[in-house]
Amino acid sequence: MTGEVARRKMLGLVGLGLRGRLAVVGVQQVRDSAKRGKLKIALVASDASQNSLDKVGGLLKARMVPVINDLSSAELGGVAGREAVAVIGVTDAGLARGIMSAHEAATGGAGASRASGRG
C-alpha cells in the first residue's frame, strides 16, 4: 500500500468513526473523553494553534493516549465536515487499531507518538 493510499484509508476510517459516533471532534470533547478514560487515540493537526496544543497535550500525555500528528487541520476538518479541526479523538479500540495500522503503512512503519507538548 502506497503512502497516499494508506493516508486516504486512515482519513476514511476517521470519517467512518465520526459518522458512527465512535470519535469526537474538537478540543473540549477530546479533553472530556480523555478525562473519562474513553480515548484510544488522538489525531492532532500538525498546524494546530499553540493554545489548542496547550489544552490537550498535557492531558493526552498524562493519560498515555497515542497521538498521530502528521495531518493538517484542513485534512481533519475535511473528514469532520468543517473548515478546520485541531483535534479528533477516537473512542473505539477496533477503529483506533485500524487507524494506527493505516498510519503505520502511510509513514513506513513509524507508529503514533505518545502525547507531548507538541503532539
PDB file of N, CA and C in Angstrom:
ATOM      1  N   MET A   1       0.858  -1.177   0.000  1.00  0.00           N
ATOM      2  CA  MET A   1       0.000   0.000   0.000  1.00  0.00           C
ATOM      3  C   MET A   1       0.900   1.235   0.000  1.00  0.00           C
ATOM      4  N   THR A   2       0.649   2.128  -0.941  1.00  0.00           N
ATOM      5  CA  THR A   2       1.455   3.343  -1.000  1.00  0.00           C
ATOM      6  C   THR A   2       1.075   4.285   0.133  1.00  0.00           C
ATOM      7  N   GLY A   3       1.947   5.222   0.395  1.00  0.00           N
ATOM      8  CA  GLY A   3       1.701   6.159   1.484  1.00  0.00           C
ATOM      9  C   GLY A   3       0.434   6.968   1.297  1.00  0.00           C
ATOM     10  N   GLU A   4       0.184   7.418   0.067  1.00  0.00           N
ATOM     11  CA  GLU A   4      -1.007   8.232  -0.186  1.00  0.00           C
ATOM     12  C   GLU A   4      -2.292   7.415  -0.036  1.00  0.00           C
ATOM     13  N   VAL A   5      -2.271   6.178  -0.515  1.00  0.00           N
ATOM     14  CA  VAL A   5      -3.445   5.307  -0.377  1.00  0.00           C
ATOM     15  C   VAL A   5      -3.710   5.028   1.100  1.00  0.00           C
ATOM     16  N   ALA A   6      -2.655   4.744   1.850  1.00  0.00           N
ATOM     17  CA  ALA A   6      -2.799   4.474   3.282  1.00  0.00           C
ATOM     18  C   ALA A   6      -3.302   5.717   4.019  1.00  0.00           C
ATOM     19  N   ARG A   7      -2.835   6.882   3.600  1.00  0.00           N
ATOM     20  CA  ARG A   7      -3.278   8.136   4.221  1.00  0.00           C
ATOM     21  C   ARG A   7      -4.773   8.353   3.975  1.00  0.00           C
ATOM     22  N   ARG A   8      -5.225   8.096   2.748  1.00  0.00           N
ATOM     23  CA  ARG A   8      -6.657   8.222   2.441  1.00  0.00           C
ATOM     24  C   ARG A   8      -7.479   7.203   3.226  1.00  0.00           C
ATOM     25  N   LYS A   9      -6.933   5.999   3.382  1.00  0.00           N
ATOM     26  CA  LYS A   9      -7.628   4.978   4.171  1.00  0.00           C
ATOM     27  C   LYS A   9      -7.774   5.432   5.616  1.00  0.00           C
ATOM     28  N   MET A  10      -6.693   6.005   6.164  1.00  0.00           N
ATOM     29  CA  MET A  10      -6.726   6.483   7.539  1.00  0.00           C
ATOM     30  C   MET A  10      -7.798   7.568   7.698  1.00  0.00           C
ATOM     31  N   LEU A  11      -7.828   8.525   6.772  1.00  0.00           N
ATOM     32  CA  LEU A  11      -8.835   9.584   6.830  1.00  0.00           C
ATOM     33  C   LEU A  11     -10.243   9.011   6.654  1.00  0.00           C
ATOM     34  N   GLY A  12     -10.378   8.007   5.796  1.00  0.00           N
ATOM     35  CA  GLY A  12     -11.680   7.351   5.612  1.00  0.00           C
ATOM     36  C   GLY A  12     -12.148   6.678   6.884  1.00  0.00           C
ATOM     37  N   LEU A  13     -11.237   6.023   7.581  1.00  0.00           N
ATOM     38  CA  LEU A  13     -11.595   5.385   8.848  1.00  0.00           C
ATOM     39  C   LEU A  13     -12.006   6.412   9.897  1.00  0.00           C
ATOM     40  N   VAL A  14     -11.321   7.534   9.927  1.00  0.00           N
ATOM     41  CA  VAL A  14     -11.688   8.602  10.865  1.00  0.00           C
ATOM     42  C   VAL A  14     -13.091   9.097  10.542  1.00  0.00           C
ATOM     43  N   GLY A  15     -13.369   9.312   9.256  1.00  0.00           N
ATOM     44  CA  GLY A  15     -14.703   9.745   8.845  1.00  0.00           C
ATOM     45  C   GLY A  15     -15.769   8.734   9.225  1.00  0.00           C
ATOM     46  N   LEU A  16     -15.466   7.463   9.038  1.00  0.00           N
ATOM     47  CA  LEU A  16     -16.389   6.398   9.418  1.00  0.00           C
ATOM     48  C   LEU A  16     -16.674   6.445  10.921  1.00  0.00           C
ATOM     49  N   GLY A  17     -15.620   6.647  11.697  1.00  0.00           N
ATOM     50  CA  GLY A  17     -15.777   6.743  13.146  1.00  0.00           C
ATOM     51  C   GLY A  17     -16.640   7.923  13.554  1.00  0.00           C
ATOM     52  N   LEU A  18     -16.467   9.038  12.858  1.00  0.00           N
ATOM     53  CA  LEU A  18     -17.284  10.214  13.175  1.00  0.00           C
ATOM     54  C   LEU A  18     -18.754   9.967  12.844  1.00  0.00           C
ATOM     55  N   ARG A  19     -18.998   9.345  11.700  1.00  0.00           N
ATOM     56  CA  ARG A  19     -20.396   9.060  11.327  1.00  0.00           C
ATOM     57  C   ARG A  19     -21.024   8.043  12.274  1.00  0.00           C
ATOM     58  N   GLY A  20     -20.213   7.111  12.781  1.00  0.00           N
ATOM     59  CA  GLY A  20     -20.721   6.092  13.694  1.00  0.00           C
ATOM     60  C   GLY A  20     -20.662   6.496  15.158  1.00  0.00           C
ATOM     61  N   ARG A  21     -20.316   7.733  15.412  1.00  0.00           N
ATOM     62  CA  ARG A  21     -20.198   8.254  16.779  1.00  0.00           C
ATOM     63  C   ARG A  21     -19.178   7.489  17.616  1.00  0.00           C
ATOM     64  N   LEU A  22     -18.100   7.062  16.940  1.00  0.00           N
ATOM     65  CA  LEU A  22     -17.012   6.376  17.617  1.00  0.00           C
ATOM     66  C   LEU A  22     -15.813   7.299  17.784  1.00  0.00           C
ATOM     67  N   ALA A  23     -16.027   8.563  17.480  1.00  0.00           N
ATOM     68  CA  ALA A  23     -14.962   9.569  17.577  1.00  0.00           C
ATOM     69  C   ALA A  23     -15.598  10.901  17.954  1.00  0.00           C
ATOM     70  N   VAL A  24     -14.767  11.774  18.530  1.00  0.00           N
ATOM     71  CA  VAL A  24     -15.230  13.108  18.937  1.00  0.00           C
ATOM     72  C   VAL A  24     -14.347  14.163  18.288  1.00  0.00           C
ATOM     73  N   VAL A  25     -14.924  15.333  18.063  1.00  0.00           N
ATOM     74  CA  VAL A  25     -14.237  16.416  17.364  1.00  0.00           C
ATOM     75  C   VAL A  25     -14.097  17.617  18.285  1.00  0.00           C
ATOM     76  N   GLY A  26     -12.917  18.200  18.275  1.00  0.00           N
ATOM     77  CA  GLY A  26     -12.709  19.452  18.993  1.00  0.00           C
ATOM     78  C   GLY A  26     -11.988  19.269  20.310  1.00  0.00           C
ATOM     79  N   VAL A  27     -11.349  20.341  20.714  1.00  0.00           N
ATOM     80  CA  VAL A  27     -10.509  20.323  21.908  1.00  0.00           C
ATOM     81  C   VAL A  27     -11.311  19.929  23.145  1.00  0.00           C
ATOM     82  N   GLN A  28     -12.451  20.543  23.369  1.00  0.00           N
ATOM     83  CA  GLN A  28     -13.203  20.276  24.597  1.00  0.00           C
ATOM     84  C   GLN A  28     -13.735  18.851  24.655  1.00  0.00           C
ATOM     85  N   GLN A  29     -14.269  18.349  23.545  1.00  0.00           N
ATOM     86  CA  GLN A  29     -14.796  16.982  23.547  1.00  0.00           C
ATOM     87  C   GLN A  29     -13.674  15.960  23.724  1.00  0.00           C
ATOM     88  N   VAL A  30     -12.520  16.222  23.119  1.00  0.00           N
ATOM     89  CA  VAL A  30     -11.381  15.317  23.281  1.00  0.00           C
ATOM     90  C   VAL A  30     -10.910  15.344  24.732  1.00  0.00           C
ATOM     91  N   ARG A  31     -10.856  16.528  25.329  1.00  0.00           N
ATOM     92  CA  ARG A  31     -10.466  16.635  26.740  1.00  0.00           C
ATOM     93  C   ARG A  31     -11.436  15.851  27.630  1.00  0.00           C
ATOM     94  N   ASP A  32     -12.726  16.015  27.386  1.00  0.00           N
ATOM     95  CA  ASP A  32     -13.736  15.319  28.193  1.00  0.00           C
ATOM     96  C   ASP A  32     -13.600  13.803  28.059  1.00  0.00           C
ATOM     97  N   SER A  33     -13.420  13.317  26.840  1.00  0.00           N
ATOM     98  CA  SER A  33     -13.275  11.876  26.613  1.00  0.00           C
ATOM     99  C   SER A  33     -12.001  11.341  27.262  1.00  0.00           C
ATOM    100  N   ALA A  34     -10.928  12.102  27.184  1.00  0.00           N
ATOM    101  CA  ALA A  34      -9.665  11.676  27.794  1.00  0.00           C
ATOM    102  C   ALA A  34      -9.805  11.614  29.315  1.00  0.00           C
ATOM    103  N   LYS A  35     -10.474  12.599  29.892  1.00  0.00           N
ATOM    104  CA  LYS A  35     -10.664  12.616  31.345  1.00  0.00           C
ATOM    105  C   LYS A  35     -11.471  11.408  31.817  1.00  0.00           C
ATOM    106  N   ARG A  36     -12.433  10.975  30.998  1.00  0.00           N
ATOM    107  CA  ARG A  36     -13.257   9.811  31.342  1.00  0.00           C
ATOM    108  C   ARG A  36     -12.566   8.492  31.000  1.00  0.00           C
ATOM    109  N   GLY A  37     -11.378   8.557  30.407  1.00  0.00           N
ATOM    110  CA  GLY A  37     -10.638   7.350  30.058  1.00  0.00           C
ATOM    111  C   GLY A  37     -11.170   6.638  28.835  1.00  0.00           C
ATOM    112  N   LYS A  38     -11.936   7.320  28.001  1.00  0.00           N
ATOM    113  CA  LYS A  38     -12.561   6.703  26.826  1.00  0.00           C
ATOM    114  C   LYS A  38     -11.697   6.787  25.572  1.00  0.00           C
ATOM    115  N   LEU A  39     -10.718   7.666  25.554  1.00  0.00           N
ATOM    116  CA  LEU A  39      -9.951   7.936  24.341  1.00  0.00           C
ATOM    117  C   LEU A  39      -8.923   6.844  24.079  1.00  0.00           C
ATOM    118  N   LYS A  40      -8.912   6.315  22.834  1.00  0.00           N
ATOM    119  CA  LYS A  40      -7.967   5.271  22.441  1.00  0.00           C
ATOM    120  C   LYS A  40      -6.820   5.833  21.613  1.00  0.00           C
ATOM    121  N   ILE A  41      -7.089   6.870  20.833  1.00  0.00           N
ATOM    122  CA  ILE A  41      -6.069   7.522  20.012  1.00  0.00           C
ATOM    123  C   ILE A  41      -6.553   8.932  19.701  1.00  0.00           C
ATOM    124  N   ALA A  42      -5.616   9.840  19.509  1.00  0.00           N
ATOM    125  CA  ALA A  42      -5.961  11.218  19.156  1.00  0.00           C
ATOM    126  C   ALA A  42      -5.218  11.603  17.890  1.00  0.00           C
ATOM    127  N   LEU A  43      -5.898  12.335  17.021  1.00  0.00           N
ATOM    128  CA  LEU A  43      -5.290  12.890  15.818  1.00  0.00           C
ATOM    129  C   LEU A  43      -5.223  14.387  16.016  1.00  0.00           C
ATOM    130  N   VAL A  44      -4.024  14.903  16.177  1.00  0.00           N
ATOM    131  CA  VAL A  44      -3.812  16.320  16.436  1.00  0.00           C
ATOM    132  C   VAL A  44      -3.249  16.948  15.168  1.00  0.00           C
ATOM    133  N   ALA A  45      -3.854  18.027  14.710  1.00  0.00           N
ATOM    134  CA  ALA A  45      -3.400  18.697  13.489  1.00  0.00           C
ATOM    135  C   ALA A  45      -1.974  19.188  13.650  1.00  0.00           C
ATOM    136  N   SER A  46      -1.169  18.976  12.615  1.00  0.00           N
ATOM    137  CA  SER A  46       0.231  19.409  12.655  1.00  0.00           C
ATOM    138  C   SER A  46       0.336  20.929  12.718  1.00  0.00           C
ATOM    139  N   ASP A  47      -0.706  21.619  12.259  1.00  0.00           N
ATOM    140  CA  ASP A  47      -0.701  23.080  12.268  1.00  0.00           C
ATOM    141  C   ASP A  47      -1.686  23.652  13.291  1.00  0.00           C
ATOM    142  N   ALA A  48      -1.992  22.855  14.321  1.00  0.00           N
ATOM    143  CA  ALA A  48      -2.898  23.333  15.371  1.00  0.00           C
ATOM    144  C   ALA A  48      -2.244  24.484  16.129  1.00  0.00           C
ATOM    145  N   SER A  49      -3.067  25.378  16.640  1.00  0.00           N
ATOM    146  CA  SER A  49      -2.540  26.524  17.382  1.00  0.00           C
ATOM    147  C   SER A  49      -1.905  26.063  18.689  1.00  0.00           C
ATOM    148  N   GLN A  50      -0.979  26.847  19.175  1.00  0.00           N
ATOM    149  CA  GLN A  50      -0.310  26.522  20.430  1.00  0.00           C
ATOM    150  C   GLN A  50      -1.322  26.478  21.574  1.00  0.00           C
ATOM    151  N   ASN A  51      -2.334  27.332  21.518  1.00  0.00           N
ATOM    152  CA  ASN A  51      -3.376  27.348  22.541  1.00  0.00           C
ATOM    153  C   ASN A  51      -4.094  25.996  22.597  1.00  0.00           C
ATOM    154  N   SER A  52      -4.463  25.464  21.426  1.00  0.00           N
ATOM    155  CA  SER A  52      -5.131  24.153  21.377  1.00  0.00           C
ATOM    156  C   SER A  52      -4.208  23.065  21.894  1.00  0.00           C
ATOM    157  N   LEU A  53      -2.955  23.122  21.490  1.00  0.00           N
ATOM    158  CA  LEU A  53      -1.986  22.119  21.939  1.00  0.00           C
ATOM    159  C   LEU A  53      -1.808  22.166  23.442  1.00  0.00           C
ATOM    160  N   ASP A  54      -1.771  23.368  24.010  1.00  0.00           N
ATOM    161  CA  ASP A  54      -1.630  23.509  25.454  1.00  0.00           C
ATOM    162  C   ASP A  54      -2.812  22.888  26.187  1.00  0.00           C
ATOM    163  N   LYS A  55      -4.003  22.991  25.599  1.00  0.00           N
ATOM    164  CA  LYS A  55      -5.209  22.478  26.247  1.00  0.00           C
ATOM    165  C   LYS A  55      -5.277  20.957  26.236  1.00  0.00           C
ATOM    166  N   VAL A  56      -4.768  20.305  25.186  1.00  0.00           N
ATOM    167  CA  VAL A  56      -4.900  18.849  25.094  1.00  0.00           C
ATOM    168  C   VAL A  56      -3.604  18.080  25.309  1.00  0.00           C
ATOM    169  N   GLY A  57      -2.468  18.683  24.993  1.00  0.00           N
ATOM    170  CA  GLY A  57      -1.191  17.963  25.025  1.00  0.00           C
ATOM    171  C   GLY A  57      -0.874  17.317  26.357  1.00  0.00           C
ATOM    172  N   GLY A  58      -0.940  18.077  27.419  1.00  0.00           N
ATOM    173  CA  GLY A  58      -0.613  17.552  28.739  1.00  0.00           C
ATOM    174  C   GLY A  58      -1.543  16.446  29.189  1.00  0.00           C
ATOM    175  N   LEU A  59      -2.830  16.609  28.918  1.00  0.00           N
ATOM    176  CA  LEU A  59      -3.814  15.608  29.312  1.00  0.00           C
ATOM    177  C   LEU A  59      -3.614  14.313  28.532  1.00  0.00           C
ATOM    178  N   LEU A  60      -3.370  14.424  27.224  1.00  0.00           N
ATOM    179  CA  LEU A  60      -3.141  13.227  26.410  1.00  0.00           C
ATOM    180  C   LEU A  60      -1.880  12.497  26.866  1.00  0.00           C
ATOM    181  N   LYS A  61      -0.863  13.264  27.214  1.00  0.00           N
ATOM    182  CA  LYS A  61       0.381  12.662  27.695  1.00  0.00           C
ATOM    183  C   LYS A  61       0.158  11.967  29.035  1.00  0.00           C
ATOM    184  N   ALA A  62      -0.552  12.630  29.938  1.00  0.00           N
ATOM    185  CA  ALA A  62      -0.813  12.062  31.259  1.00  0.00           C
ATOM    186  C   ALA A  62      -1.631  10.777  31.161  1.00  0.00           C
ATOM    187  N   ARG A  63      -2.561  10.729  30.222  1.00  0.00           N
ATOM    188  CA  ARG A  63      -3.410   9.543  30.043  1.00  0.00           C
ATOM    189  C   ARG A  63      -2.775   8.517  29.111  1.00  0.00           C
ATOM    190  N   MET A  64      -1.568   8.817  28.607  1.00  0.00           N
ATOM    191  CA  MET A  64      -0.816   7.949  27.695  1.00  0.00           C
ATOM    192  C   MET A  64      -1.625   7.563  26.453  1.00  0.00           C
ATOM    193  N   VAL A  65      -2.292   8.552  25.888  1.00  0.00           N
ATOM    194  CA  VAL A  65      -3.066   8.347  24.668  1.00  0.00           C
ATOM    195  C   VAL A  65      -2.132   8.508  23.474  1.00  0.00           C
ATOM    196  N   PRO A  66      -2.062   7.511  22.583  1.00  0.00           N
ATOM    197  CA  PRO A  66      -1.233   7.659  21.380  1.00  0.00           C
ATOM    198  C   PRO A  66      -1.739   8.826  20.528  1.00  0.00           C
ATOM    199  N   VAL A  67      -0.800   9.541  19.910  1.00  0.00           N
ATOM    200  CA  VAL A  67      -1.146  10.722  19.121  1.00  0.00           C
ATOM    201  C   VAL A  67      -0.565  10.601  17.718  1.00  0.00           C
ATOM    202  N   ILE A  68      -1.395  10.859  16.733  1.00  0.00           N
ATOM    203  CA  ILE A  68      -0.947  10.982  15.345  1.00  0.00           C
ATOM    204  C   ILE A  68      -0.992  12.467  15.037  1.00  0.00           C
ATOM    205  N   ASN A  69       0.134  13.020  14.595  1.00  0.00           N
ATOM    206  CA  ASN A  69       0.169  14.469  14.390  1.00  0.00           C
ATOM    207  C   ASN A  69       0.772  14.867  13.045  1.00  0.00           C
ATOM    208  N   ASP A  70       0.509  14.069  12.009  1.00  0.00           N
ATOM    209  CA  ASP A  70       1.036  14.441  10.698  1.00  0.00           C
ATOM    210  C   ASP A  70      -0.049  14.760   9.684  1.00  0.00           C
ATOM    211  N   LEU A  71      -1.238  15.096  10.166  1.00  0.00           N
ATOM    212  CA  LEU A  71      -2.331  15.546   9.304  1.00  0.00           C
ATOM    213  C   LEU A  71      -2.586  17.020   9.568  1.00  0.00           C
ATOM    214  N   SER A  72      -2.997  17.738   8.543  1.00  0.00           N
ATOM    215  CA  SER A  72      -3.265  19.165   8.713  1.00  0.00           C
ATOM    216  C   SER A  72      -4.659  19.390   9.281  1.00  0.00           C
ATOM    217  N   SER A  73      -4.891  20.577   9.778  1.00  0.00           N
ATOM    218  CA  SER A  73      -6.219  20.917  10.306  1.00  0.00           C
ATOM    219  C   SER A  73      -7.254  20.899   9.184  1.00  0.00           C
ATOM    220  N   ALA A  74      -6.837  21.226   7.962  1.00  0.00           N
ATOM    221  CA  ALA A  74      -7.762  21.178   6.818  1.00  0.00           C
ATOM    222  C   ALA A  74      -8.146  19.736   6.488  1.00  0.00           C
ATOM    223  N   GLU A  75      -7.183  18.806   6.572  1.00  0.00           N
ATOM    224  CA  GLU A  75      -7.493  17.392   6.317  1.00  0.00           C
ATOM    225  C   GLU A  75      -8.444  16.849   7.378  1.00  0.00           C
ATOM    226  N   LEU A  76      -8.165  17.157   8.634  1.00  0.00           N
ATOM    227  CA  LEU A  76      -9.054  16.708   9.711  1.00  0.00           C
ATOM    228  C   LEU A  76     -10.422  17.355   9.577  1.00  0.00           C
ATOM    229  N   GLY A  77     -10.437  18.635   9.222  1.00  0.00           N
ATOM    230  CA  GLY A  77     -11.704  19.321   9.022  1.00  0.00           C
ATOM    231  C   GLY A  77     -12.493  18.725   7.869  1.00  0.00           C
ATOM    232  N   GLY A  78     -11.804  18.305   6.834  1.00  0.00           N
ATOM    233  CA  GLY A  78     -12.467  17.706   5.684  1.00  0.00           C
ATOM    234  C   GLY A  78     -13.261  16.466   6.043  1.00  0.00           C
ATOM    235  N   VAL A  79     -12.707  15.606   6.898  1.00  0.00           N
ATOM    236  CA  VAL A  79     -13.433  14.396   7.277  1.00  0.00           C
ATOM    237  C   VAL A  79     -14.513  14.692   8.312  1.00  0.00           C
ATOM    238  N   ALA A  80     -14.374  15.818   9.015  1.00  0.00           N
ATOM    239  CA  ALA A  80     -15.360  16.175  10.041  1.00  0.00           C
ATOM    240  C   ALA A  80     -16.455  17.098   9.495  1.00  0.00           C
ATOM    241  N   GLY A  81     -16.345  17.478   8.219  1.00  0.00           N
ATOM    242  CA  GLY A  81     -17.354  18.356   7.641  1.00  0.00           C
ATOM    243  C   GLY A  81     -17.228  19.795   8.093  1.00  0.00           C
ATOM    244  N   ARG A  82     -16.020  20.193   8.438  1.00  0.00           N
ATOM    245  CA  ARG A  82     -15.760  21.564   8.882  1.00  0.00           C
ATOM    246  C   ARG A  82     -14.592  22.113   8.085  1.00  0.00           C
ATOM    247  N   GLU A  83     -14.356  23.403   8.226  1.00  0.00           N
ATOM    248  CA  GLU A  83     -13.241  24.012   7.508  1.00  0.00           C
ATOM    249  C   GLU A  83     -11.901  23.547   8.063  1.00  0.00           C
ATOM    250  N   ALA A  84     -11.775  23.575   9.379  1.00  0.00           N
ATOM    251  CA  ALA A  84     -10.536  23.163  10.024  1.00  0.00           C
ATOM    252  C   ALA A  84     -10.851  22.601  11.407  1.00  0.00           C
ATOM    253  N   VAL A  85     -10.098  21.582  11.802  1.00  0.00           N
ATOM    254  CA  VAL A  85     -10.266  20.954  13.110  1.00  0.00           C
ATOM    255  C   VAL A  85      -8.887  20.749  13.713  1.00  0.00           C
ATOM    256  N   ALA A  86      -8.725  21.103  14.977  1.00  0.00           N
ATOM    257  CA  ALA A  86      -7.423  20.964  15.641  1.00  0.00           C
ATOM    258  C   ALA A  86      -7.176  19.547  16.127  1.00  0.00           C
ATOM    259  N   VAL A  87      -8.222  18.866  16.588  1.00  0.00           N
ATOM    260  CA  VAL A  87      -8.026  17.535  17.168  1.00  0.00           C
ATOM    261  C   VAL A  87      -9.291  16.688  17.031  1.00  0.00           C
ATOM    262  N   ILE A  88      -9.059  15.406  16.767  1.00  0.00           N
ATOM    263  CA  ILE A  88     -10.131  14.405  16.733  1.00  0.00           C
ATOM    264  C   ILE A  88      -9.687  13.269  17.634  1.00  0.00           C
ATOM    265  N   GLY A  89     -10.587  12.790  18.466  1.00  0.00           N
ATOM    266  CA  GLY A  89     -10.285  11.670  19.350  1.00  0.00           C
ATOM    267  C   GLY A  89     -11.133  10.471  19.000  1.00  0.00           C
ATOM    268  N   VAL A  90     -10.534   9.297  18.971  1.00  0.00           N
ATOM    269  CA  VAL A  90     -11.239   8.052  18.656  1.00  0.00           C
ATOM    270  C   VAL A  90     -11.479   7.295  19.957  1.00  0.00           C
ATOM    271  N   THR A  91     -12.734   6.866  20.156  1.00  0.00           N
ATOM    272  CA  THR A  91     -13.105   6.206  21.402  1.00  0.00           C
ATOM    273  C   THR A  91     -13.285   4.699  21.254  1.00  0.00           C
ATOM    274  N   ASP A  92     -13.224   4.174  20.041  1.00  0.00           N
ATOM    275  CA  ASP A  92     -13.408   2.750  19.798  1.00  0.00           C
ATOM    276  C   ASP A  92     -12.050   2.079  19.571  1.00  0.00           C
ATOM    277  N   ALA A  93     -11.772   1.009  20.313  1.00  0.00           N
ATOM    278  CA  ALA A  93     -10.466   0.354  20.240  1.00  0.00           C
ATOM    279  C   ALA A  93     -10.204  -0.268  18.873  1.00  0.00           C
ATOM    280  N   GLY A  94     -11.190  -0.912  18.279  1.00  0.00           N
ATOM    281  CA  GLY A  94     -11.015  -1.530  16.971  1.00  0.00           C
ATOM    282  C   GLY A  94     -10.730  -0.504  15.891  1.00  0.00           C
ATOM    283  N   LEU A  95     -11.474   0.581  15.919  1.00  0.00           N
ATOM    284  CA  LEU A  95     -11.249   1.650  14.952  1.00  0.00           C
ATOM    285  C   LEU A  95      -9.872   2.278  15.162  1.00  0.00           C
ATOM    286  N   ALA A  96      -9.471   2.448  16.402  1.00  0.00           N
ATOM    287  CA  ALA A  96      -8.155   3.012  16.697  1.00  0.00           C
ATOM    288  C   ALA A  96      -7.045   2.121  16.148  1.00  0.00           C
ATOM    289  N   ARG A  97      -7.213   0.792  16.269  1.00  0.00           N
ATOM    290  CA  ARG A  97      -6.216  -0.138  15.714  1.00  0.00           C
ATOM    291  C   ARG A  97      -6.139   0.001  14.196  1.00  0.00           C
ATOM    292  N   GLY A  98      -7.293   0.124  13.536  1.00  0.00           N
ATOM    293  CA  GLY A  98      -7.313   0.283  12.085  1.00  0.00           C
ATOM    294  C   GLY A  98      -6.633   1.571  11.645  1.00  0.00           C
ATOM    295  N   ILE A  99      -6.891   2.645  12.356  1.00  0.00           N
ATOM    296  CA  ILE A  99      -6.267   3.938  12.039  1.00  0.00           C
ATOM    297  C   ILE A  99      -4.763   3.852  12.265  1.00  0.00           C
ATOM    298  N   MET A 100      -4.357   3.222  13.361  1.00  0.00           N
ATOM    299  CA  MET A 100      -2.928   3.070  13.655  1.00  0.00           C
ATOM    300  C   MET A 100      -2.250   2.238  12.567  1.00  0.00           C
ATOM    301  N   SER A 101      -2.902   1.187  12.130  1.00  0.00           N
ATOM    302  CA  SER A 101      -2.347   0.332  11.078  1.00  0.00           C
ATOM    303  C   SER A 101      -2.187   1.111   9.775  1.00  0.00           C
ATOM    304  N   ALA A 102      -3.202   1.881   9.402  1.00  0.00           N
ATOM    305  CA  ALA A 102      -3.133   2.695   8.185  1.00  0.00           C
ATOM    306  C   ALA A 102      -2.058   3.766   8.324  1.00  0.00           C
ATOM    307  N   HIS A 103      -1.924   4.336   9.510  1.00  0.00           N
ATOM    308  CA  HIS A 103      -0.895   5.353   9.746  1.00  0.00           C
ATOM    309  C   HIS A 103       0.495   4.751   9.587  1.00  0.00           C
ATOM    310  N   GLU A 104       0.694   3.566  10.133  1.00  0.00           N
ATOM    311  CA  GLU A 104       1.989   2.906  10.005  1.00  0.00           C
ATOM    312  C   GLU A 104       2.314   2.604   8.543  1.00  0.00           C
ATOM    313  N   ALA A 105       1.303   2.205   7.764  1.00  0.00           N
ATOM    314  CA  ALA A 105       1.510   1.948   6.338  1.00  0.00           C
ATOM    315  C   ALA A 105       1.834   3.244   5.597  1.00  0.00           C
ATOM    316  N   ALA A 106       1.193   4.335   6.001  1.00  0.00           N
ATOM    317  CA  ALA A 106       1.409   5.621   5.338  1.00  0.00           C
ATOM    318  C   ALA A 106       2.781   6.203   5.652  1.00  0.00           C
ATOM    319  N   THR A 107       3.294   5.916   6.833  1.00  0.00           N
ATOM    320  CA  THR A 107       4.561   6.510   7.251  1.00  0.00           C
ATOM    321  C   THR A 107       5.723   5.524   7.201  1.00  0.00           C
ATOM    322  N   GLY A 108       5.481   4.360   6.652  1.00  0.00           N
ATOM    323  CA  GLY A 108       6.559   3.391   6.537  1.00  0.00           C
ATOM    324  C   GLY A 108       6.910   2.710   7.840  1.00  0.00           C
ATOM    325  N   GLY A 109       5.923   2.485   8.684  1.00  0.00           N
ATOM    326  CA  GLY A 109       6.157   1.743   9.919  1.00  0.00           C
ATOM    327  C   GLY A 109       6.337   2.585  11.160  1.00  0.00           C
ATOM    328  N   ALA A 110       6.377   3.904  11.025  1.00  0.00           N
ATOM    329  CA  ALA A 110       6.515   4.762  12.205  1.00  0.00           C
ATOM    330  C   ALA A 110       5.172   4.828  12.917  1.00  0.00           C
ATOM    331  N   GLY A 111       5.109   4.372  14.135  1.00  0.00           N
ATOM    332  CA  GLY A 111       3.871   4.378  14.897  1.00  0.00           C
ATOM    333  C   GLY A 111       3.532   5.761  15.424  1.00  0.00           C
ATOM    334  N   ALA A 112       2.392   5.860  16.044  1.00  0.00           N
ATOM    335  CA  ALA A 112       1.986   7.133  16.639  1.00  0.00           C
ATOM    336  C   ALA A 112       2.860   7.416  17.851  1.00  0.00           C
ATOM    337  N   SER A 113       3.092   8.687  18.074  1.00  0.00           N
ATOM    338  CA  SER A 113       3.897   9.076  19.234  1.00  0.00           C
ATOM    339  C   SER A 113       3.003   9.135  20.454  1.00  0.00           C
ATOM    340  N   ARG A 114       3.628   9.066  21.586  1.00  0.00           N
ATOM    341  CA  ARG A 114       2.890   9.350  22.811  1.00  0.00           C
ATOM    342  C   ARG A 114       2.762  10.853  22.899  1.00  0.00           C
ATOM    343  N   ALA A 115       1.707  11.299  23.489  1.00  0.00           N
ATOM    344  CA  ALA A 115       1.441  12.736  23.547  1.00  0.00           C
ATOM    345  C   ALA A 115       2.577  13.471  24.230  1.00  0.00           C
ATOM    346  N   SER A 116       2.899  14.621  23.677  1.00  0.00           N
ATOM    347  CA  SER A 116       3.886  15.503  24.291  1.00  0.00           C
ATOM    348  C   SER A 116       3.396  16.926  24.088  1.00  0.00           C
ATOM    349  N   GLY A 117       4.170  17.876  24.450  1.00  0.00           N
ATOM    350  CA  GLY A 117       3.773  19.266  24.315  1.00  0.00           C
ATOM    351  C   GLY A 117       3.380  19.629  22.896  1.00  0.00           C
ATOM    352  N   ARG A 118       4.029  19.066  21.895  1.00  0.00           N
ATOM    353  CA  ARG A 118       3.715  19.406  20.505  1.00  0.00           C
ATOM    354  C   ARG A 118       3.037  18.240  19.796  1.00  0.00           C
ATOM    355  N   GLY A 119       2.591  17.224  20.510  1.00  0.00           N
ATOM    356  CA  GLY A 119       1.851  16.160  19.874  1.00  0.00           C
ATOM    357  C   GLY A 119       2.593  14.945  19.761  1.00  0.00           C
TER     358      GLY A 119
END
